Structures are given as structure tokens and as C-alpha cells.
Protein backbone atom coordinates (compact mmCIF):
# COMPACT_ATOMS: atom_id res chain seq x y z
CA MET A 1 3.00 81.84 97.11
CA ILE A 2 2.02 80.96 93.56
CA LEU A 3 2.67 83.68 90.97
CA ARG A 4 2.28 81.83 87.74
CA LYS A 5 -1.07 82.12 85.93
CA ILE A 6 -0.87 78.77 84.02
CA PHE A 7 -0.34 75.58 85.81
CA ASN A 8 1.23 72.27 84.62
CA PRO A 9 -1.65 69.85 84.28
CA PHE A 10 0.58 66.92 85.19
CA ALA A 11 1.61 68.73 88.44
CA VAL A 12 -2.07 69.41 89.24
CA ALA A 13 -2.89 65.72 88.54
CA ARG A 14 -0.12 64.61 90.92
CA TYR A 15 -1.49 66.98 93.57
CA MET A 16 -4.93 65.50 93.09
CA ARG A 17 -3.84 61.87 92.68
CA THR A 18 -5.98 60.47 95.51
CA GLU A 19 -9.20 62.00 94.17
CA LEU A 20 -8.36 60.93 90.68
CA VAL A 21 -7.59 57.37 91.63
CA VAL A 22 -10.85 57.07 93.74
CA SER A 23 -12.93 58.56 90.94
CA THR A 24 -11.31 56.41 88.29
CA VAL A 25 -11.79 53.17 90.22
CA ILE A 26 -15.39 53.90 91.02
CA SER A 27 -16.34 54.96 87.48
CA VAL A 28 -14.65 52.00 85.81
CA SER A 29 -16.24 49.57 88.36
CA VAL A 30 -19.70 51.01 87.69
CA TYR A 31 -19.28 50.70 83.98
CA PHE A 32 -18.27 47.06 84.11
CA LEU A 33 -20.95 46.18 86.71
CA TYR A 34 -23.61 47.84 84.59
CA HIS A 35 -22.70 46.03 81.33
CA ASN A 36 -21.00 42.83 82.24
CA GLN A 37 -23.06 41.90 85.28
CA HIS A 38 -26.35 43.29 83.97
CA LEU A 39 -27.03 45.52 86.96
CA GLU A 40 -29.20 47.98 84.98
CA LYS A 41 -31.37 48.55 88.05
CA VAL A 42 -28.40 49.98 89.93
CA SER A 43 -28.54 53.21 87.87
CA LEU A 44 -29.88 56.37 89.60
CA PRO A 45 -31.71 59.48 88.38
CA PHE A 46 -29.28 62.28 87.51
CA SER A 47 -31.31 64.64 89.76
CA ILE A 48 -29.76 62.89 92.78
CA ALA A 49 -26.25 63.75 91.70
CA ALA A 50 -27.40 67.28 90.79
CA ILE A 51 -28.91 67.87 94.28
CA LEU A 52 -25.84 66.47 96.08
CA GLY A 53 -23.55 68.48 93.86
CA SER A 54 -25.41 71.68 94.70
CA ALA A 55 -25.12 70.98 98.42
CA LEU A 56 -21.36 70.20 97.94
CA ALA A 57 -20.95 73.41 96.05
CA ILE A 58 -22.39 75.44 98.93
CA PHE A 59 -19.98 73.74 101.41
CA LEU A 60 -17.02 74.36 99.11
CA ALA A 61 -17.89 77.99 98.50
CA PHE A 62 -18.34 78.79 102.18
CA ARG A 63 -15.11 76.93 103.10
CA ASN A 64 -13.01 78.50 100.35
CA ASN A 65 -14.29 81.97 101.19
CA ASN A 66 -13.28 81.54 104.84
CA ALA A 67 -9.98 79.94 103.86
CA TYR A 68 -9.10 82.82 101.62
CA SER A 69 -10.09 85.31 104.40
CA ARG A 70 -7.57 83.56 106.70
CA TRP A 71 -4.88 83.65 104.00
CA TRP A 72 -5.45 87.32 103.30
CA GLU A 73 -5.47 88.24 106.94
CA ALA A 74 -2.10 86.52 107.28
CA ARG A 75 -0.72 88.50 104.33
CA THR A 76 -2.10 91.75 105.78
CA ILE A 77 -0.48 90.98 109.16
CA TRP A 78 2.87 90.43 107.56
CA GLY A 79 2.45 93.61 105.55
CA GLY A 80 2.14 95.32 108.91
CA VAL A 81 5.26 93.60 110.21
CA ILE A 82 7.16 95.03 107.18
CA ASN A 83 5.81 98.50 107.52
CA ASN A 84 6.23 98.71 111.31
CA SER A 85 9.75 97.40 111.05
CA ARG A 86 10.55 100.31 108.75
CA ILE A 87 8.86 102.72 111.13
CA PHE A 88 10.74 101.32 114.11
CA ALA A 89 14.09 101.62 112.30
CA ARG A 90 13.32 105.14 111.31
CA GLN A 91 12.32 106.11 114.88
CA ILE A 92 15.52 104.54 116.37
CA ILE A 93 17.84 106.11 113.74
CA ALA A 94 16.25 109.62 113.99
CA ASN A 95 16.04 109.67 117.77
CA ALA A 96 19.54 108.21 118.32
CA ASP A 97 21.25 110.53 115.79
CA ASN A 98 19.73 113.47 117.60
CA ALA A 99 21.69 112.45 120.72
CA VAL A 100 25.00 112.99 118.81
CA ILE A 101 23.86 116.39 117.50
CA ILE A 102 22.95 117.69 120.99
CA GLY A 103 26.06 116.12 122.56
CA LYS A 104 24.39 113.56 124.78
CA ALA A 105 26.23 110.56 123.33
CA SER A 106 29.24 109.84 121.11
CA LYS A 107 28.80 108.74 117.55
CA GLN A 108 30.33 105.34 118.29
CA GLN A 109 27.80 104.73 121.07
CA VAL A 110 24.89 105.74 118.84
CA GLU A 111 26.05 103.63 115.90
CA ALA A 112 26.40 100.56 118.07
CA PHE A 113 23.01 101.14 119.67
CA LYS A 114 21.25 101.64 116.31
CA LYS A 115 22.82 98.58 114.87
CA GLU A 116 21.97 96.45 117.82
CA LEU A 117 18.27 97.35 117.89
CA ILE A 118 17.75 97.21 114.15
CA TYR A 119 19.51 93.95 113.81
CA ARG A 120 17.40 92.57 116.61
CA GLN A 121 14.25 93.72 114.77
CA ILE A 122 15.47 91.84 111.66
CA ALA A 123 16.04 88.77 113.85
CA PHE A 124 12.55 89.10 115.25
CA ALA A 125 11.01 88.89 111.69
CA HIS A 126 13.07 85.80 110.90
CA ALA A 127 12.27 84.27 114.29
CA LEU A 128 8.57 84.87 113.80
CA ARG A 129 8.78 83.07 110.42
CA LEU A 130 10.58 80.08 111.89
CA HIS A 131 8.28 80.07 114.92
CA LEU A 132 5.11 79.88 112.66
CA ARG A 133 6.56 77.27 110.38
CA ARG A 134 7.87 75.29 113.31
CA GLN A 135 11.32 75.10 111.82
CA ASN A 136 14.50 74.81 113.88
CA SER A 137 17.05 76.54 111.64
CA TRP A 138 17.84 79.20 114.33
CA GLU A 139 21.36 79.51 113.06
CA GLU A 140 19.96 81.96 110.57
CA LEU A 141 19.72 84.53 113.39
CA LYS A 142 23.30 84.06 114.66
CA HIS A 143 24.79 86.90 112.56
CA LEU A 144 22.11 89.32 113.83
CA LEU A 145 22.56 88.89 117.56
CA SER A 146 25.46 88.95 120.05
CA ALA A 147 26.85 85.60 121.08
CA GLY A 148 25.34 85.87 124.63
CA GLU A 149 21.91 86.91 123.41
CA PHE A 150 21.86 84.09 120.81
CA GLU A 151 22.79 81.55 123.41
CA GLU A 152 20.09 82.79 125.73
CA LEU A 153 17.61 82.86 122.81
CA SER A 154 18.19 79.09 122.13
CA LYS A 155 16.84 78.30 125.59
CA LYS A 156 13.51 80.13 125.12
CA ALA A 157 10.31 78.50 123.97
CA ASN A 158 8.82 81.63 122.43
CA LYS A 159 11.78 83.23 120.74
CA PRO A 160 10.08 86.07 118.94
CA ASN A 161 8.53 87.26 122.19
CA TYR A 162 11.93 87.07 123.95
CA LEU A 163 13.40 89.36 121.29
CA LEU A 164 10.65 91.90 121.70
CA GLN A 165 11.21 91.88 125.43
CA ASN A 166 14.90 92.64 124.89
CA GLN A 167 14.00 95.47 122.58
CA GLY A 168 11.86 97.06 125.27
CA ILE A 169 14.59 96.62 127.89
CA ARG A 170 17.29 98.13 125.60
CA ILE A 171 15.06 101.10 124.79
CA LYS A 172 14.78 101.86 128.48
CA GLU A 173 18.57 101.53 128.86
CA GLY A 174 19.01 103.84 125.91
CA MET A 175 16.86 106.44 127.61
CA ARG A 176 18.88 106.15 130.82
CA SER A 177 22.11 106.57 128.91
CA GLU A 178 20.47 109.54 127.04
CA ILE A 179 20.97 107.91 123.63
CA LEU A 180 17.20 108.25 123.39
CA GLY A 181 15.21 111.14 124.70
CA ALA A 182 13.05 111.07 127.79
CA PHE A 183 9.84 111.04 125.69
CA ASP A 184 11.03 108.83 122.83
CA ASN A 185 9.44 105.84 124.42
CA ILE A 186 6.01 107.41 123.83
CA SER A 187 6.37 106.73 120.12
CA LEU A 188 8.43 103.58 120.37
CA GLU A 189 6.25 101.62 122.74
CA PRO A 190 3.14 101.54 120.50
CA THR A 191 5.37 100.30 117.70
CA LEU A 192 6.69 97.45 119.83
CA ALA A 193 3.12 96.66 121.10
CA GLY A 194 2.16 96.37 117.48
CA PHE A 195 4.70 93.60 116.88
CA ASN A 196 3.27 91.73 119.88
CA ASN A 197 -0.23 92.13 118.33
CA PHE A 198 1.09 90.92 114.97
CA GLN A 199 2.66 87.87 116.54
CA GLY A 200 -0.54 87.06 118.53
CA SER A 201 -2.70 87.40 115.39
CA CYS A 202 -0.40 85.00 113.41
CA GLU A 203 -0.44 82.53 116.31
CA ARG A 204 -4.24 82.65 116.41
CA ILE A 205 -4.43 81.76 112.78
CA LYS A 206 -1.79 79.08 113.22
CA ASN A 207 -3.37 77.40 116.21
CA THR A 208 -7.04 77.81 115.48
CA PRO A 209 -8.05 75.74 112.47
CA LEU A 210 -11.12 76.45 110.33
CA LEU A 211 -14.01 74.63 111.89
CA ARG A 212 -13.36 70.87 111.51
CA GLN A 213 -17.00 70.25 110.72
CA TYR A 214 -16.61 71.95 107.36
CA HIS A 215 -13.46 69.94 106.58
CA PHE A 216 -15.01 66.59 107.55
CA PHE A 217 -18.32 67.06 105.84
CA THR A 218 -16.72 68.55 102.68
CA LYS A 219 -14.53 65.45 102.38
CA LEU A 220 -17.50 63.14 103.11
CA PHE A 221 -19.89 64.84 100.64
CA LEU A 222 -17.14 64.81 97.99
CA LEU A 223 -16.63 61.11 98.43
CA VAL A 224 -20.40 60.40 98.33
CA PHE A 225 -20.67 62.58 95.27
CA MET A 226 -17.88 60.67 93.50
CA VAL A 227 -19.60 57.33 94.31
CA ILE A 228 -23.13 58.47 93.19
CA LEU A 229 -22.15 60.34 90.06
CA PRO A 230 -21.24 57.33 87.80
CA PHE A 231 -24.56 55.64 88.79
CA SER A 232 -26.41 58.80 87.77
CA LEU A 233 -24.64 59.19 84.46
CA ILE A 234 -24.39 55.56 83.13
CA SER A 235 -28.02 55.21 82.17
CA ASP A 236 -28.18 58.42 80.15
CA PHE A 237 -25.00 57.64 78.31
CA ASN A 238 -26.22 54.12 77.60
CA LYS A 239 -29.31 55.55 75.97
CA MET A 240 -27.08 57.63 73.72
CA GLY A 241 -25.14 54.51 72.79
CA MET A 242 -21.90 55.79 74.27
CA PRO A 243 -21.71 54.34 77.77
CA ILE A 244 -17.93 54.45 77.81
CA LEU A 245 -18.06 58.20 77.83
CA MET A 246 -19.40 58.08 81.37
CA ILE A 247 -15.97 57.23 82.66
CA PRO A 248 -14.02 60.33 81.57
CA LEU A 249 -16.94 62.67 82.20
CA SER A 250 -17.40 61.33 85.63
CA ILE A 251 -13.71 61.66 86.42
CA LEU A 252 -13.71 65.24 85.06
CA VAL A 253 -16.66 66.40 87.15
CA ALA A 254 -15.26 64.79 90.27
CA PHE A 255 -11.82 66.39 89.47
CA VAL A 256 -13.40 69.82 89.27
CA PHE A 257 -15.10 69.52 92.66
CA GLY A 258 -11.89 67.96 94.10
CA VAL A 259 -9.76 70.91 92.92
CA MET A 260 -12.28 73.34 94.52
CA GLY A 261 -12.03 71.45 97.75
CA LYS A 262 -8.26 71.25 97.69
CA VAL A 263 -7.89 74.96 97.12
CA GLY A 264 -9.78 75.74 100.30
CA GLU A 265 -7.90 73.02 102.19
CA VAL A 266 -4.45 74.41 101.48
CA ASN A 267 -5.35 78.12 101.82
CA GLU A 268 -6.77 77.83 105.28
CA ASP A 269 -3.24 77.17 106.72
CA PRO A 270 -0.95 79.96 105.40
CA PHE A 271 2.02 79.19 107.64
CA GLU A 272 2.88 75.57 106.63
CA ASN A 273 5.83 76.20 104.38
CA ARG A 274 4.01 75.18 101.31
CA ILE A 275 4.02 76.84 97.83
CA THR A 276 0.52 78.11 98.61
CA ASP A 277 1.58 79.89 101.79
CA ILE A 278 2.26 83.61 102.14
CA PRO A 279 5.86 84.29 101.14
CA MET A 280 7.36 84.92 104.64
CA THR A 281 10.89 84.12 103.52
CA SER A 282 10.70 86.77 100.81
CA MET A 283 9.10 89.31 103.22
CA CYS A 284 11.83 88.66 105.85
CA ASN A 285 14.40 89.26 103.02
CA THR A 286 12.69 92.57 102.25
CA ILE A 287 12.81 93.64 105.89
CA GLU A 288 16.48 92.76 106.27
CA ARG A 289 17.44 94.53 103.00
CA ASP A 290 15.44 97.69 103.83
CA LEU A 291 16.57 98.05 107.45
CA LYS A 292 20.24 97.42 106.66
CA GLU A 293 19.95 100.05 103.88
CA MET A 294 18.41 102.50 106.40
CA LEU A 295 21.51 101.88 108.58
CA GLY A 296 23.65 102.96 105.56
CA GLU A 297 25.09 99.51 104.86
CA ASN A 298 26.10 98.63 101.32
CA SER A 299 26.41 94.86 101.66
CA LEU A 300 22.82 93.78 101.49
CA PRO A 301 21.43 90.32 101.16
CA THR A 302 20.53 89.24 97.63
CA LYS A 303 16.93 90.09 96.86
CA LEU A 304 14.83 86.91 96.63
CA GLU A 305 13.13 86.46 93.28
CA SER A 306 10.45 84.03 92.19
CA GLU A 307 11.58 80.61 91.08
CA ASN A 308 9.55 78.76 88.36
CA GLY A 309 6.45 80.93 89.19
CA TYR A 310 6.73 80.50 92.99
CA ILE A 311 8.04 82.80 95.77
CA TYR A 312 8.65 81.54 99.18
């Protein structure tokens, strides 16, 4: 996620290099064709570019609005993952500690049970992040799970779902061993179901792209606009006696529309491990730090801070 308010213009130019190259080639070509080849009749009225630019702006506005809605929904979902992870840890700790107080289980049993479930919840957050980004660095979870569970996890296609399944099984076993009360599942099951819903919502955003019609026609209209714009500007600048100014102005206008299109393009996919994504790595770090602190641990992972205006 980008935190900085001011961007390096050279970095932006590199990001937009394709659009800049196309616009530059077209503008320079039109300028030389108009003056060296005497193709004055090729010039077009500026109203054509104005009408096409208006249509392009409508497409860009619609697409960018929907792209931001997808990005914000993804951020809201992960905010729910953070909050519900804290709720889940609180429920497990409070309910399990009560078993020690009333003499239903030993302190050693309860501590081991709490650590297992809370560590598995941390592993779920990391697994969901890796699952959405389609990364394979599953070794990150090894310190959070038992050797047997980690080995079994490596065989599963949907690893976050497998971890949630194990959570449900272990909660039932905790009830049978009286570490958890007979009615604790009433509060814990909706929390676990919430994690399934969060995962499903993220997978829906990941696997269902914004309508491809808007992507295709936005790209097409932008290309047509970049082609027509120099033809619409050259005649007016020639009348002013400064035809060469058509080139930088045409590039600038095309650059503005190109940036608007690129913003919507990158925001519609918030789980691609880019600097424009939601900061899932940082949020997983927050979950791990908070839940381990709730367990009473002092050795916490280092809090991730922004780097050069970006947080991942």
C-alpha cells in the first residue's frame, strides 16, 4: 500500500512507459507528416478529440470507482480478519482459563491448548495471505504448527480452509476434555464461520475480475484518443505559429488519461503482491504480535514499518 503523498516523477514515467512511448511516437510522426510531407488535410477538428475524451473520461470514472470499491472491500475484509482474530483469542483464553479455576483441567493442559489454537489462528492469517497472493513460501508457518500438522498441511490444496477445519475439530475435543465449557461452542462457532466468510469474500474478489468489457474498451478508447489527439491539435498550434508545442501538450494530455486508466487497472486486483495492494503482510504481522501478546509472550515479532513510503 502506498503511504507517500508525493511521487517520484521518474518512477511514474517508468510505470507509464508504454503509454508515453506510444504517445510520443504518434505525436512526433504527426508533426513531421504535417510539415514535411504537406499533409495539411490530415488535421481534424478539435471537437472530435473533445468528444472522444469525454467518453473516455466516463469509462475511466466508472472503472476507477468500481476498482476502488473492490480495493476498499478487500481492506474491510482484512480488518474483519484482524478484529475477529483478537475476539477468537480472547474467547479461547477466557474460556480455557476458567477450566483451571473450577478444577476441570490442569494449568499445563490449558496453556498448551491455548497456544495451539491461537498459533493456528496466526497460521491461518499467514496462510490466507499466501493463498491469495499464490505464493509458496509455506515455511513461514512451520514455527506455528506441530510437525505432523504442517506435513499434512503441505498436502492440501486449500490450506487456510484446512486450518479452520482443524480449529473446529480441536474446539470439540477441548469441550470433551472439559478445557472448554459445554456451551462455549455457541460463541466460538460464529467466530470460526466468520473466518470462512472472510476467506470466501477474498476468493470472490481474487477470482472474479472487474468486467473485462470495461478493461478492453478503456484500453481501446485510450489508444484511439492518443492517435486522434495530435491530428486535432496540430492545426490550431500551426495557426499560432508554434506547431512544435503540439508534441509536448499531446503527450501531457495522453499521460493524464493514461495515469487515470492505470490507477483503476492496478486497484481492481488488491491481492497481487504489488505496492498498490492492501498491506496483508503488515496486517498478518499485527495479528501475530497481538495474539502472542494476549498469550503473555514477551518475544514478539518486530513490528513492520513503512519502507520508502510503502507498506506491504
